[in-house]
C-alpha atoms as a PDB file:
ATOM      1  CA  MET A   1     -11.143  -0.865   2.736  1.00  0.00           C
ATOM      2  CA  GLN A   2     -11.081   2.899   1.144  1.00  0.00           C
ATOM      3  CA  ASN A   3      -8.026   4.878   0.683  1.00  0.00           C
ATOM      4  CA  PHE A   4      -9.285   8.737   1.715  1.00  0.00           C
ATOM      5  CA  ASN A   5      -5.901  10.717   0.755  1.00  0.00           C
ATOM      6  CA  GLY A   6      -6.545  10.753  -2.976  1.00  0.00           C
ATOM      7  CA  GLY A   7      -3.937   7.712  -3.685  1.00  0.00           C
ATOM      8  CA  ALA A   8      -4.997   4.468  -5.264  1.00  0.00           C
ATOM      9  CA  GLN A   9      -7.558   2.176  -4.115  1.00  0.00           C
ATOM     10  CA  PRO A  10      -7.024  -1.128  -2.602  1.00  0.00           C
ATOM     11  CA  SER A  11      -7.202  -3.893  -5.614  1.00  0.00           C
ATOM     12  CA  MET A  12      -9.792  -6.714  -5.368  1.00  0.00           C
ATOM     13  CA  ASP A  13      -7.182  -9.406  -4.062  1.00  0.00           C
ATOM     14  CA  GLU A  14      -6.307  -6.671  -1.048  1.00  0.00           C
ATOM     15  CA  VAL A  15      -9.864  -6.150  -0.229  1.00  0.00           C
ATOM     16  CA  TRP A  16     -10.103 -10.007  -0.408  1.00  0.00           C
ATOM     17  CA  SER A  17      -7.422 -10.591   1.917  1.00  0.00           C
ATOM     18  CA  PHE A  18      -8.494  -8.153   4.449  1.00  0.00           C
ATOM     19  CA  THR A  19     -11.602  -9.474   4.440  1.00  0.00           C
ATOM     20  CA  ASP A  20     -10.406 -13.115   5.356  1.00  0.00           C
ATOM     21  CA  GLN A  21      -8.350 -11.778   8.289  1.00  0.00           C
ATOM     22  CA  ALA A  22     -11.060  -9.743   9.413  1.00  0.00           C
ATOM     23  CA  ILE A  23     -13.370 -12.443   9.636  1.00  0.00           C
ATOM     24  CA  LYS A  24     -11.131 -14.783  11.327  1.00  0.00           C
ATOM     25  CA  TYR A  25     -10.389 -12.617  13.760  1.00  0.00           C
ATOM     26  CA  LEU A  26     -14.218 -11.702  14.377  1.00  0.00           C
ATOM     27  CA  GLU A  27     -14.958 -15.166  14.530  1.00  0.00           C
ATOM     28  CA  SER A  28     -12.293 -16.194  16.664  1.00  0.00           C
ATOM     29  CA  ASP A  29     -12.451 -13.666  19.534  1.00  0.00           C
ATOM     30  CA  SER A  30     -14.953 -14.813  22.002  1.00  0.00           C
ATOM     31  CA  ARG A  31     -15.425 -11.247  23.292  1.00  0.00           C
ATOM     32  CA  ILE A  32     -17.240 -10.534  19.761  1.00  0.00           C
ATOM     33  CA  LEU A  33     -20.574 -11.347  19.997  1.00  0.00           C
ATOM     34  CA  SER A  34     -21.556 -10.226  16.290  1.00  0.00           C
ATOM     35  CA  TYR A  35     -20.565  -7.942  13.915  1.00  0.00           C
ATOM     36  CA  ALA A  36     -21.712  -5.806  10.433  1.00  0.00           C
ATOM     37  CA  PRO A  37     -20.076  -4.681   7.696  1.00  0.00           C
ATOM     38  CA  PHE A  38     -20.689  -0.683   6.466  1.00  0.00           C
ATOM     39  CA  GLY A  39     -22.355  -0.556   2.977  1.00  0.00           C
ATOM     40  CA  TYR A  40     -25.052  -2.688   2.310  1.00  0.00           C
ATOM     41  CA  MET A  41     -26.097  -0.712  -0.412  1.00  0.00           C
ATOM     42  CA  ASP A  42     -26.169  -0.728  -4.316  1.00  0.00           C
ATOM     43  CA  ASP A  43     -24.850   2.764  -4.790  1.00  0.00           C
ATOM     44  CA  MET A  44     -21.617   3.449  -2.847  1.00  0.00           C
ATOM     45  CA  TYR A  45     -21.662   7.232  -4.189  1.00  0.00           C
ATOM     46  CA  ASN A  46     -17.589   7.440  -3.976  1.00  0.00           C
ATOM     47  CA  VAL A  47     -16.437   4.465  -2.039  1.00  0.00           C
ATOM     48  CA  ALA A  48     -14.216   2.164  -4.180  1.00  0.00           C
ATOM     49  CA  TYR A  49     -16.298  -0.627  -6.263  1.00  0.00           C
ATOM     50  CA  THR A  50     -14.008  -3.068  -4.898  1.00  0.00           C
ATOM     51  CA  ASN A  51     -16.052  -2.722  -1.437  1.00  0.00           C
ATOM     52  CA  LYS A  52     -19.280  -3.222  -2.529  1.00  0.00           C
ATOM     53  CA  LEU A  53     -21.012  -5.708  -0.443  1.00  0.00           C
ATOM     54  CA  PHE A  54     -24.562  -5.487  -2.195  1.00  0.00           C
ATOM     55  CA  SER A  55     -25.101  -5.469  -6.192  1.00  0.00           C
ATOM     56  CA  GLY A  56     -28.037  -5.323  -8.110  1.00  0.00           C
ATOM     57  CA  ASP A  57     -30.664  -7.965  -6.031  1.00  0.00           C
ATOM     58  CA  GLY A  58     -28.496  -9.579  -4.028  1.00  0.00           C
ATOM     59  CA  LEU A  59     -25.465  -9.611  -2.261  1.00  0.00           C
ATOM     60  CA  SER A  60     -21.959  -9.224  -4.119  1.00  0.00           C
ATOM     61  CA  ASP A  61     -19.493 -12.469  -3.410  1.00  0.00           C
ATOM     62  CA  LEU A  62     -17.806  -9.692  -0.876  1.00  0.00           C
ATOM     63  CA  GLY A  63     -21.186  -9.361   0.783  1.00  0.00           C
ATOM     64  CA  TRP A  64     -21.959 -13.297   0.644  1.00  0.00           C
ATOM     65  CA  LYS A  65     -18.273 -13.740   2.597  1.00  0.00           C
ATOM     66  CA  TYR A  66     -19.593 -11.351   5.101  1.00  0.00           C
ATOM     67  CA  VAL A  67     -22.779 -13.296   5.749  1.00  0.00           C
ATOM     68  CA  ASN A  68     -21.757 -16.902   5.538  1.00  0.00           C
ATOM     69  CA  GLY A  69     -18.130 -16.071   7.109  1.00  0.00           C
ATOM     70  CA  ASN A  70     -16.212 -18.073   5.224  1.00  0.00           C
END
């Protein structure tokens, strides 16, 4: 989730809610064989910090959720 229109960025609660819904959908649709989120990098430049999937030496909590699907 990223607001590229100059407005407020989504809150961490909004990011987690979106992630929960996205994973639920991606895991339940038999037409989807695999998926990967964008942004497995420590420095995401101008992308909202709440979307960070990697932190330091490993996955952030959000990245871990995508990898493990729960």
